[in-house]
Protein backbone atom coordinates (compact mmCIF):
# COMPACT_ATOMS: atom_id res chain seq x y z
CA MET A 1 -9.97 -28.51 0.33
CA LYS A 2 -7.58 -27.24 -2.27
CA LYS A 3 -4.13 -28.79 -2.05
CA ILE A 4 -0.88 -27.96 -3.82
CA THR A 5 -1.48 -28.02 -7.55
CA MET A 6 1.58 -29.43 -9.28
CA VAL A 7 0.11 -29.39 -12.80
CA ALA A 8 1.95 -31.56 -15.29
CA ILE A 9 4.10 -29.77 -17.83
CA GLY A 10 1.96 -29.14 -20.89
CA ALA A 11 2.45 -29.73 -24.56
CA ALA A 12 5.83 -28.57 -25.80
CA CYS A 13 6.75 -26.90 -29.06
CA LEU A 14 7.57 -29.09 -32.01
CA SER A 15 11.31 -29.02 -32.45
CA MET A 16 11.12 -26.91 -35.60
CA ILE A 17 8.75 -24.43 -33.97
CA PHE A 18 10.57 -23.79 -30.73
CA ALA A 19 13.91 -23.56 -32.49
CA VAL A 20 12.53 -20.50 -34.27
CA SER A 21 10.01 -18.94 -31.91
CA CYS A 22 10.74 -19.82 -28.30
CA GLY A 23 13.64 -17.48 -27.82
CA SER A 24 16.81 -19.50 -27.24
CA GLY A 25 19.48 -16.98 -26.28
CA LYS A 26 16.97 -14.12 -25.84
CA ASN A 27 17.78 -11.64 -23.07
CA TYR A 28 14.77 -11.50 -20.75
CA ALA A 29 16.58 -9.35 -18.16
CA THR A 30 20.09 -8.00 -17.61
CA GLY A 31 22.43 -10.85 -18.48
CA LEU A 32 19.76 -13.59 -18.45
CA LYS A 33 20.09 -16.08 -21.30
CA MET A 34 18.15 -19.30 -21.82
CA VAL A 35 18.73 -22.45 -23.86
CA ASN A 36 16.18 -24.91 -25.20
CA VAL A 37 16.30 -28.46 -23.87
CA ALA A 38 14.70 -31.24 -25.92
CA GLY A 39 12.65 -33.63 -23.76
CA GLY A 40 13.14 -37.32 -23.17
CA GLU A 41 12.77 -40.13 -20.64
CA TYR A 42 15.03 -41.49 -17.93
CA GLU A 43 14.94 -43.49 -14.70
CA SER A 44 15.12 -41.40 -11.53
CA PRO A 45 14.67 -41.78 -7.80
CA ASN A 46 11.13 -40.81 -6.86
CA TYR A 47 11.46 -37.41 -5.19
CA SER A 48 7.85 -37.28 -4.06
CA TRP A 49 8.24 -37.02 -0.31
CA PHE A 50 10.86 -37.31 2.40
CA TYR A 51 10.82 -38.60 5.93
CA SER A 52 13.30 -37.91 8.71
CA ASP A 53 13.33 -40.03 11.85
CA GLN A 54 14.58 -38.31 15.01
CA HIS A 55 16.67 -35.81 13.01
CA ASP A 56 18.71 -38.73 11.64
CA TRP A 57 19.54 -37.82 8.04
CA THR A 58 21.31 -41.14 7.43
CA THR A 59 18.11 -42.98 8.24
CA ALA A 60 16.16 -40.50 6.17
CA THR A 61 18.34 -41.19 3.15
CA GLN A 62 17.83 -44.92 3.51
CA ILE A 63 14.07 -44.51 3.72
CA HIS A 64 13.97 -42.18 0.74
CA SER A 65 16.14 -44.32 -1.52
CA THR A 66 14.92 -47.87 -1.04
CA ASN A 67 15.05 -48.72 -4.74
CA GLU A 68 11.98 -46.59 -5.41
CA MET A 69 12.70 -45.57 -8.98
CA LYS A 70 10.34 -44.27 -11.62
CA LYS A 71 10.41 -43.42 -15.31
CA VAL A 72 10.39 -39.67 -15.76
CA THR A 73 9.15 -38.01 -18.94
CA ILE A 74 10.66 -34.59 -19.57
CA SER A 75 8.91 -32.23 -21.99
CA ASP A 76 10.82 -29.61 -23.95
CA PHE A 77 11.73 -26.68 -21.72
CA GLN A 78 14.07 -23.73 -21.39
CA ILE A 79 16.63 -23.26 -18.65
CA ALA A 80 18.99 -20.41 -17.85
CA THR A 81 22.61 -20.85 -18.89
CA THR A 82 23.78 -19.57 -15.49
CA GLU A 83 22.62 -19.20 -11.94
CA THR A 84 20.72 -15.95 -11.44
CA THR A 85 23.31 -13.22 -10.99
CA TYR A 86 22.90 -10.26 -8.69
CA ALA A 87 22.77 -7.92 -11.71
CA THR A 88 19.87 -9.91 -13.18
CA TRP A 89 18.17 -10.12 -9.80
CA TYR A 90 18.45 -6.39 -9.15
CA ASP A 91 17.17 -5.44 -12.60
CA VAL A 92 13.90 -7.31 -12.01
CA LEU A 93 13.70 -6.35 -8.32
CA LYS A 94 13.71 -2.62 -9.11
CA TRP A 95 11.06 -3.04 -11.80
CA ALA A 96 8.86 -5.19 -9.56
CA THR A 97 9.00 -2.97 -6.47
CA ASP A 98 8.53 0.35 -8.28
CA GLU A 99 5.77 2.37 -6.58
CA ALA A 100 4.35 3.17 -10.00
CA ARG A 101 3.06 -0.41 -10.20
CA GLY A 102 0.45 0.41 -7.57
CA ASP A 103 -1.54 -2.60 -6.42
CA LYS A 104 0.54 -4.83 -8.66
CA ARG A 105 3.75 -3.87 -6.89
CA TYR A 106 5.85 -6.77 -5.60
CA ARG A 107 6.97 -7.08 -1.99
CA PHE A 108 10.02 -9.07 -0.93
CA GLU A 109 11.13 -10.05 2.54
CA ASN A 110 14.66 -10.69 1.21
CA ASN A 111 16.17 -8.21 -1.25
CA GLY A 112 19.16 -10.37 -2.18
CA ARG A 113 22.87 -10.13 -1.49
CA GLU A 114 25.66 -9.41 -3.97
CA GLY A 115 28.75 -11.50 -3.36
CA MET A 116 29.53 -12.25 0.26
CA ALA A 117 29.67 -9.46 2.81
CA GLU A 118 27.92 -6.80 0.75
CA ALA A 119 24.76 -5.17 2.06
CA ILE A 120 21.32 -6.53 1.15
CA GLY A 121 19.52 -5.01 -1.85
CA THR A 122 22.21 -2.51 -2.84
CA LYS A 123 22.98 -1.25 -6.35
CA PRO A 124 25.12 -3.79 -8.30
CA GLY A 125 28.86 -3.35 -7.85
CA LYS A 126 32.06 -5.27 -8.52
CA ASN A 127 30.49 -8.64 -7.72
CA LYS A 128 27.34 -8.13 -9.79
CA ASN A 129 28.05 -11.33 -11.78
CA HIS A 130 28.16 -13.49 -8.67
CA PRO A 131 25.03 -15.59 -8.04
CA VAL A 132 22.55 -13.65 -5.92
CA GLY A 133 22.53 -14.86 -2.32
CA ALA A 134 20.26 -14.52 0.73
CA ILE A 135 17.48 -16.10 -1.29
CA GLY A 136 14.88 -18.41 0.21
CA TRP A 137 12.53 -20.57 -1.84
CA GLU A 138 9.65 -18.18 -1.30
CA THR A 139 11.80 -15.26 -2.44
CA ALA A 140 12.80 -17.08 -5.61
CA ILE A 141 9.28 -17.98 -6.74
CA VAL A 142 7.93 -14.46 -6.16
CA TRP A 143 10.83 -13.09 -8.21
CA CYS A 144 10.05 -15.59 -10.98
CA ASN A 145 6.51 -14.19 -11.17
CA ALA A 146 7.92 -10.68 -11.45
CA LEU A 147 10.25 -11.76 -14.25
CA SER A 148 7.29 -13.33 -16.06
CA GLU A 149 5.15 -10.19 -15.83
CA LYS A 150 8.07 -7.98 -16.86
CA ASN A 151 8.27 -9.98 -20.09
CA GLY A 152 4.54 -10.28 -20.76
CA LEU A 153 4.41 -13.98 -19.87
CA GLU A 154 1.97 -15.92 -17.69
CA PRO A 155 3.00 -16.17 -14.02
CA VAL A 156 3.32 -19.70 -12.62
CA TYR A 157 2.77 -19.18 -8.88
CA TYR A 158 -0.62 -18.25 -7.37
CA PHE A 159 -2.02 -17.78 -3.87
CA GLU A 160 -5.78 -18.11 -3.39
CA GLY A 161 -6.14 -17.87 -7.16
CA ASN A 162 -4.26 -14.58 -7.46
CA VAL A 163 -0.78 -13.93 -8.84
CA LEU A 164 1.67 -14.31 -5.95
CA ARG A 165 3.40 -10.94 -5.52
CA ASN A 166 3.95 -10.74 -1.76
CA GLU A 167 6.54 -13.05 -0.19
CA LYS A 168 5.30 -12.35 3.34
CA THR A 169 1.96 -13.94 2.44
CA LEU A 170 3.64 -17.33 2.35
CA TYR A 171 5.56 -16.85 5.59
CA ASP A 172 2.46 -15.74 7.51
CA TYR A 173 0.32 -18.56 6.17
CA ASN A 174 2.99 -21.18 6.77
CA ILE A 175 3.39 -20.19 10.42
CA LYS A 176 -0.39 -20.34 10.91
CA VAL A 177 -1.03 -23.71 9.30
CA GLU A 178 2.12 -25.32 10.72
CA SER A 179 0.56 -25.32 14.19
CA GLN A 180 -2.76 -26.47 12.73
CA ALA A 181 -1.09 -29.39 10.96
CA LEU A 182 0.67 -30.45 14.13
CA SER A 183 -2.60 -30.29 16.06
CA LYS A 184 -4.28 -32.41 13.40
CA ALA A 185 -1.47 -34.96 13.64
CA MET A 186 -1.90 -35.17 17.41
CA ILE A 187 -5.65 -35.70 17.05
CA ASP A 188 -5.33 -38.27 14.27
CA LEU A 189 -2.77 -40.27 16.21
CA LYS A 190 -4.44 -39.87 19.61
CA ASN A 191 -1.08 -38.72 20.95
CA THR A 192 0.62 -41.95 19.87
CA LEU A 193 3.26 -40.59 17.52
CA THR A 194 4.64 -43.75 15.99
CA ASN A 195 7.00 -43.57 13.04
CA GLU A 196 4.59 -45.52 10.83
CA ALA A 197 1.70 -43.20 11.64
CA ILE A 198 3.72 -40.06 10.92
CA VAL A 199 4.82 -41.51 7.57
CA ASN A 200 1.19 -42.18 6.67
CA ILE A 201 0.27 -38.59 7.51
CA ALA A 202 3.12 -37.29 5.36
CA LYS A 203 1.98 -39.42 2.43
CA LYS A 204 -1.52 -37.99 2.67
CA GLY A 205 -0.02 -34.56 2.25
CA ILE A 206 -0.73 -32.26 5.15
CA PRO A 207 -1.67 -29.09 3.20
CA LEU A 208 0.81 -26.67 4.72
CA TYR A 209 0.55 -24.55 1.59
CA GLU A 210 -2.99 -25.52 0.70
CA LYS A 211 -3.69 -22.15 -0.92
CA LEU A 212 -0.55 -22.09 -3.04
CA SER A 213 -0.83 -23.41 -6.59
CA ILE A 214 2.03 -23.98 -9.00
CA ASP A 215 0.87 -24.17 -12.60
CA GLU A 216 3.77 -25.48 -14.68
CA THR A 217 1.68 -25.37 -17.86
CA LYS A 218 2.03 -21.56 -17.92
CA ASN A 219 4.71 -20.11 -20.19
CA GLY A 220 6.22 -17.86 -17.52
CA PHE A 221 9.38 -18.29 -15.50
CA ARG A 222 9.70 -20.75 -12.65
CA LEU A 223 12.22 -22.90 -10.90
CA PRO A 224 13.12 -26.14 -12.71
CA THR A 225 11.66 -29.32 -11.26
CA VAL A 226 14.17 -31.59 -9.60
CA TYR A 227 13.81 -33.96 -12.57
CA GLU A 228 14.38 -31.23 -15.16
CA TRP A 229 17.38 -29.97 -13.22
CA MET A 230 19.10 -33.36 -13.16
CA TYR A 231 18.22 -34.05 -16.80
CA ALA A 232 19.81 -30.75 -17.86
CA ALA A 233 22.82 -31.10 -15.56
CA ARG A 234 23.65 -34.48 -17.10
CA GLY A 235 23.50 -33.13 -20.64
CA GLY A 236 19.93 -33.94 -21.68
CA LYS A 237 20.75 -37.16 -23.55
CA PRO A 238 20.27 -40.35 -21.48
CA GLY A 239 22.82 -42.98 -22.44
CA SER A 240 25.33 -40.50 -23.82
CA TYR A 241 28.91 -40.14 -22.59
CA ASP A 242 28.07 -36.99 -20.63
CA TRP A 243 25.13 -38.62 -18.85
CA ASP A 244 27.27 -40.61 -16.43
CA LEU A 245 29.89 -37.99 -15.59
CA ASN A 246 30.43 -37.28 -11.89
CA TYR A 247 29.95 -33.54 -12.39
CA ALA A 248 27.95 -31.49 -14.87
CA GLY A 249 30.20 -31.61 -17.94
CA SER A 250 33.28 -33.38 -16.62
CA ASP A 251 34.76 -35.98 -14.31
CA ASN A 252 37.20 -33.30 -13.20
CA ALA A 253 35.49 -31.13 -10.58
CA SER A 254 37.79 -28.13 -10.97
CA GLU A 255 36.99 -27.91 -14.71
CA VAL A 256 33.30 -27.21 -14.17
CA GLY A 257 32.66 -26.08 -10.62
CA TRP A 258 33.67 -23.86 -7.72
CA PHE A 259 34.09 -25.91 -4.57
CA GLY A 260 35.61 -25.53 -1.13
CA GLU A 261 39.14 -26.22 -2.31
CA GLU A 262 39.24 -23.06 -4.47
CA CYS A 263 36.81 -20.90 -2.50
CA GLY A 264 38.57 -20.85 0.85
CA TRP A 265 36.04 -22.87 2.86
CA ASP A 266 37.33 -23.15 6.41
CA SER A 267 35.74 -26.03 8.30
CA SER A 268 36.69 -24.45 11.62
CA ASN A 269 34.35 -21.52 10.86
CA ASP A 270 31.45 -23.81 9.95
CA CYS A 271 28.50 -21.84 8.55
CA TRP A 272 30.02 -18.49 9.52
CA ASN A 273 32.08 -18.68 6.31
CA ASP A 274 28.93 -17.26 4.69
CA LEU A 275 29.45 -13.92 6.37
CA LEU A 276 33.16 -13.48 5.65
CA SER A 277 34.10 -11.56 2.50
CA LYS A 278 37.31 -13.50 1.83
CA TYR A 279 35.36 -16.69 1.15
CA GLY A 280 32.49 -17.54 -1.08
CA ASN A 281 30.85 -17.78 -4.46
CA LYS A 282 32.41 -16.64 -7.72
CA ASP A 283 31.43 -15.01 -11.02
CA VAL A 284 29.19 -17.28 -13.08
CA ALA A 285 30.31 -18.84 -16.38
CA LYS A 286 34.02 -18.85 -15.55
CA LYS A 287 34.32 -22.63 -15.66
CA LYS A 288 33.67 -25.13 -18.45
CA LYS A 289 30.05 -25.48 -19.59
CA ASN A 290 28.27 -28.82 -19.94
CA ALA A 291 26.93 -30.39 -23.14
CA LEU A 292 23.86 -28.12 -23.14
CA GLY A 293 25.90 -24.96 -22.66
CA LEU A 294 25.01 -24.64 -18.95
CA TYR A 295 27.49 -23.26 -16.43
CA ASP A 296 27.91 -24.00 -12.72
CA MET A 297 25.34 -26.77 -12.57
CA THR A 298 27.70 -28.26 -10.03
CA GLY A 299 29.40 -25.99 -7.53
CA ASN A 300 29.25 -22.23 -6.87
CA VAL A 301 25.80 -22.16 -5.20
CA ASP A 302 23.11 -24.72 -4.48
CA GLU A 303 19.97 -24.13 -6.53
CA TRP A 304 16.34 -24.20 -5.48
CA THR A 305 13.99 -26.47 -7.43
CA ASN A 306 10.23 -26.50 -7.96
CA THR A 307 9.78 -29.92 -6.33
CA LEU A 308 8.25 -29.86 -2.85
CA TYR A 309 8.03 -32.59 -0.22
CA HIS A 310 6.77 -33.11 3.30
CA GLU A 311 9.31 -33.51 6.04
CA CYS A 312 8.58 -35.07 9.41
CA TYR A 313 10.46 -35.10 12.69
CA VAL A 314 9.49 -37.57 15.38
CA ASP A 315 10.79 -37.66 18.92
CA GLY A 316 8.68 -39.83 21.15
CA SER A 317 6.04 -37.38 22.40
CA TRP A 318 5.99 -34.77 19.65
CA ALA A 319 6.22 -34.35 15.89
CA GLU A 320 6.76 -31.63 13.33
CA ILE A 321 5.38 -31.80 9.81
CA LYS A 322 6.77 -29.24 7.37
CA LEU A 323 6.80 -28.48 3.69
CA ASP A 324 10.23 -28.07 2.11
CA ALA A 325 11.72 -27.80 -1.39
CA TYR A 326 14.65 -29.72 -2.85
CA ILE A 327 17.93 -27.99 -3.65
CA ALA A 328 20.42 -29.28 -6.20
CA GLY A 329 23.92 -28.84 -7.51
CA GLY A 330 26.34 -28.56 -4.63
CA ALA A 331 27.99 -25.30 -3.59
CA TRP A 332 31.27 -23.62 -2.75
CA VAL A 333 30.81 -24.82 0.83
CA HIS A 334 31.20 -28.45 -0.31
CA PHE A 335 34.44 -30.15 -1.22
CA ALA A 336 34.66 -31.67 -4.68
CA ASP A 337 34.86 -35.29 -3.54
CA SER A 338 31.80 -35.00 -1.25
CA ASP A 339 28.52 -36.69 -2.12
CA GLU A 340 26.77 -33.31 -2.27
CA ALA A 341 29.07 -32.16 -5.08
CA LYS A 342 28.54 -35.11 -7.42
CA LEU A 343 25.69 -35.82 -9.79
CA THR A 344 25.54 -39.53 -9.06
CA VAL A 345 26.86 -41.63 -6.22
CA SER A 346 26.64 -45.10 -4.75
CA ASN A 347 28.35 -46.44 -1.68
CA GLU A 348 29.55 -49.83 -0.55
CA LYS A 349 26.46 -50.45 1.58
CA GLY A 350 24.19 -49.79 -1.36
CA LEU A 351 22.06 -47.30 0.56
CA PHE A 352 22.02 -44.73 -2.21
CA ASP A 353 21.24 -47.08 -5.08
CA GLU A 354 22.41 -44.52 -7.63
CA LEU A 355 20.52 -41.80 -5.78
CA HIS A 356 21.42 -38.42 -7.20
CA SER A 357 22.95 -37.15 -3.99
CA SER A 358 23.48 -33.66 -5.36
CA VAL A 359 19.71 -33.32 -5.03
CA ARG A 360 19.01 -32.80 -1.36
CA PRO A 361 16.30 -31.52 0.97
CA SER A 362 16.32 -27.79 1.52
CA TYR A 363 16.93 -25.96 4.72
CA LYS A 364 13.85 -24.95 6.70
CA LEU A 365 11.20 -22.79 5.08
CA THR A 366 9.90 -21.46 8.39
CA PHE A 367 11.12 -19.01 10.99
CA ARG A 368 11.38 -21.63 13.73
CA LEU A 369 14.99 -21.94 14.89
CA ASN A 370 15.34 -25.71 14.86
CA ASP A 371 18.83 -25.58 13.41
CA TYR A 372 20.73 -22.63 14.87
CA CYS A 373 23.35 -22.44 12.14
CA TYR A 374 21.21 -22.88 9.03
CA ASP A 375 18.07 -21.11 10.22
CA TYR A 376 19.95 -18.14 11.67
CA LEU A 377 21.70 -17.65 8.33
CA ARG A 378 18.80 -18.69 6.13
CA ASN A 379 18.28 -15.23 4.71
CA LYS A 380 22.00 -14.42 4.73
CA ARG A 381 23.55 -17.49 3.12
CA SER A 382 25.65 -17.00 0.00
CA SER A 383 25.67 -20.71 -0.80
CA ILE A 384 22.03 -21.02 -1.95
CA GLY A 385 20.71 -19.38 -5.10
CA PHE A 386 18.64 -20.41 -8.12
CA ARG A 387 18.37 -20.51 -11.90
CA VAL A 388 15.14 -20.16 -13.82
CA ALA A 389 13.32 -22.38 -16.28
CA ARG A 390 10.30 -22.09 -18.59
CA THR A 391 7.80 -24.54 -20.01
CA LEU A 392 7.83 -24.32 -23.81
CA THR A 393 4.33 -24.04 -25.24
CA LYS A 394 2.93 -23.12 -28.63
CA LYS A 395 1.72 -19.76 -27.34
């Protein structure tokens, strides 16, 4: 049975080669600019899987961060200088969905939102330089494939061996196999859903997306891995002054990021802030950039990553096993002194153990309404977006 293919990042350009030929600063779409990041090694929490016990995220964090660290090797790659703006998004969206593309036409379930209260999928207006919102993980990876094809590059995401062009394919398959995975769990455990048994199932990797493959050796556009994202956010030079800053480029949150203090977050409105035009995300690149020339790596909107994990819920007589993706960076809905906003954090109980708390599990990838607030707004939220990356090869 074919499982998720997370192919290791391939050989990178020699520094002299990619400085000349890999396109640093090239415009691949309206307003999209990339920078080259030289690879290296650093110690990171192992973001390989995640387990949640009885919806208790505190317990989940403890389980995930029990001193399980690993050495991460980062190959040379490119990353966008900003979060994907609505103008950039729309430029590629119109190209990808053009009827003239015939069988190679792209199909999106979510057409993206400009700013806050604007309509979905409309022509760019006054907030065209805001990060695109209403974007789920599936939406983002299908758009990355479109961006790749628009620029004559190799797509990264495939379904049943074919270039992934239809977002609904993932939704339909996920709903189908979710019930199958749960049935398998019940059979394997003989209806005894112990925490230990569920963890073991998660580690085996229930293939919720068994037909999806992610080939990071391709030279096309993709989401950055969680390890690449943190490496770039911290400046790309382990041991340097910038590496240990609380935020991407500064210890002063307001210098580099848009957070709740400046964006009008009203805790009394909870998640409904996302639908009110007077709140929300801001134009990209208006704050100080970090050492690599990257803007808004902390604040503005959370960013999807390419790193997936299995998530389990256990409640005595039942269990759910899902596939999710990590998000990173913190958003305008977080306050600057919150754990979500910072690049590194430890607390007095030592539960985080230098866990990068700005890297967090995503919201649900399925239609099931387990969390009324987040799932209801999943395709409407202005606080989750993405930026793109590319593997640098000699091609």
